[in-house]
Protein backbone atom coordinates (compact mmCIF):
# COMPACT_ATOMS: atom_id res chain seq x y z
CA UNK A 1 105.19 58.77 74.83
CA UNK A 2 108.24 59.39 72.68
CA UNK A 3 110.96 61.72 73.90
CA UNK A 4 112.88 63.25 71.02
CA UNK A 5 115.73 65.60 70.38
CA UNK A 6 114.63 69.25 70.52
CA UNK A 7 113.31 70.80 67.29
CA UNK A 8 115.88 73.62 67.65
CA UNK A 9 119.22 73.62 69.48
CA UNK A 10 118.56 74.31 73.17
CA UNK A 11 120.90 74.84 76.10
CA UNK A 12 120.88 74.46 79.83
CA UNK A 13 123.06 77.30 81.09
CA UNK A 14 124.51 77.51 84.59
CA UNK A 15 125.39 80.60 86.58
CA UNK A 16 126.11 81.05 90.29
CA UNK A 17 125.13 84.09 92.33
CA UNK A 18 126.16 85.23 95.81
CA UNK A 19 122.62 85.18 97.29
CA UNK A 20 118.96 84.52 96.54
CA UNK A 21 118.10 88.19 95.99
CA UNK A 22 120.79 88.54 93.31
CA UNK A 23 119.85 85.23 91.70
CA UNK A 24 116.17 86.24 91.61
CA UNK A 25 117.06 89.58 90.00
CA UNK A 26 119.25 87.92 87.37
CA UNK A 27 116.68 85.23 86.57
CA UNK A 28 113.81 87.72 86.41
CA UNK A 29 115.66 89.94 83.97
CA UNK A 30 116.60 87.01 81.70
CA UNK A 31 113.00 85.78 81.52
CA UNK A 32 111.51 89.27 81.14
CA UNK A 33 113.93 90.05 78.31
CA UNK A 34 113.17 86.80 76.48
CA UNK A 35 116.68 85.41 76.87
CA UNK A 36 115.44 82.47 78.95
CA UNK A 37 112.19 80.53 79.09
CA UNK A 38 112.72 79.43 82.68
CA UNK A 39 115.30 79.92 85.41
CA UNK A 40 115.40 77.62 88.43
CA UNK A 41 117.08 78.97 91.56
CA UNK A 42 118.84 76.39 93.71
CA UNK A 43 119.91 77.98 97.01
CA UNK A 44 122.15 76.32 99.53
CA UNK A 45 124.99 75.18 97.31
CA UNK A 46 128.56 75.35 98.56
CA UNK A 47 131.22 76.32 96.03
CA UNK A 48 134.91 75.54 96.39
CA UNK A 49 137.18 77.25 93.88
CA UNK A 50 140.55 78.91 93.43
CA UNK A 51 140.44 82.68 92.98
CA UNK A 52 143.50 84.91 92.80
CA UNK A 53 145.72 82.12 94.11
CA UNK A 54 143.59 81.28 97.16
CA UNK A 55 141.09 78.52 97.86
CA UNK A 56 137.62 80.03 98.35
CA UNK A 57 134.57 78.49 100.06
CA UNK A 58 131.32 80.32 99.47
CA UNK A 59 127.61 79.76 99.88
CA UNK A 60 125.96 80.48 96.54
CA UNK A 61 122.74 80.09 94.58
CA UNK A 62 122.81 78.17 91.30
CA UNK A 63 120.72 79.38 88.37
CA UNK A 64 119.62 76.71 85.87
CA UNK A 65 118.69 78.60 82.72
CA UNK A 66 116.76 77.07 79.80
CA UNK A 67 117.34 78.88 76.50
CA UNK A 68 118.00 78.52 72.79
CA UNK A 69 121.59 78.05 71.64
CA UNK A 70 121.36 81.06 69.33
CA UNK A 71 120.62 83.29 72.35
CA UNK A 72 123.62 82.21 74.42
CA UNK A 73 125.94 85.07 73.35
CA UNK A 74 123.28 87.67 74.27
CA UNK A 75 122.42 85.81 77.50
CA UNK A 76 126.08 85.64 78.53
CA UNK A 77 126.60 89.30 77.69
CA UNK A 78 123.54 90.34 79.71
CA UNK A 79 124.60 88.24 82.69
CA UNK A 80 128.04 89.89 82.61
CA UNK A 81 126.38 93.33 82.64
CA UNK A 82 124.07 92.51 85.56
CA UNK A 83 126.28 90.22 87.66
CA UNK A 84 128.14 91.52 90.72
CA UNK A 85 131.05 89.08 90.32
CA UNK A 86 134.19 90.18 88.49
CA UNK A 87 134.21 86.83 86.67
CA UNK A 88 130.82 85.09 86.88
CA UNK A 89 130.38 81.42 86.06
CA UNK A 90 128.47 81.33 82.78
CA UNK A 91 128.58 77.91 81.11
CA UNK A 92 126.13 75.82 79.12
CA UNK A 93 125.43 72.27 77.98
CA UNK A 94 123.28 71.20 75.04
CA UNK A 95 119.85 69.75 75.76
CA UNK A 96 119.80 66.61 73.62
CA UNK A 97 116.55 65.05 74.85
CA UNK A 98 113.35 66.14 76.53
CA UNK A 99 109.58 66.15 76.54
CA UNK A 100 108.67 67.60 73.12
CA UNK A 101 105.94 69.86 74.49
CA UNK A 102 108.34 71.33 77.07
CA UNK A 103 111.09 71.83 74.50
CA UNK A 104 108.64 73.59 72.17
CA UNK A 105 107.57 75.79 75.10
CA UNK A 106 111.21 76.84 75.65
CA UNK A 107 111.45 77.77 71.97
CA UNK A 108 108.17 79.68 72.05
CA UNK A 109 109.11 81.64 75.18
CA UNK A 110 112.47 82.67 73.74
CA UNK A 111 111.26 83.62 70.27
CA UNK A 112 111.05 87.29 69.28
CA UNK A 113 107.25 87.20 69.00
CA UNK A 114 106.65 85.90 72.56
């Protein structure tokens, strides 16, 4: 089996949420609206960060969001609208390799006709 670069630019986006209920709501909306093909929810992470001059330690849920690069501006905008944080973490990395059938599935699920 050959693993190739994706046929269209894809991203793995990351976003943290304060709890599983919020993460589930965010992920559901992104998939329902066609902005993401799949969102994995990883509960039980511990985040350490500086906010307003103070060190914070919070339990959070990490969303791993598979999408097309062209959709990232709309995805980020939608997350900002829905997210309870004043400044949510919304970052992304390119997907440079993957199982071709899976990568095609991501494209299909995030195309306007899906």
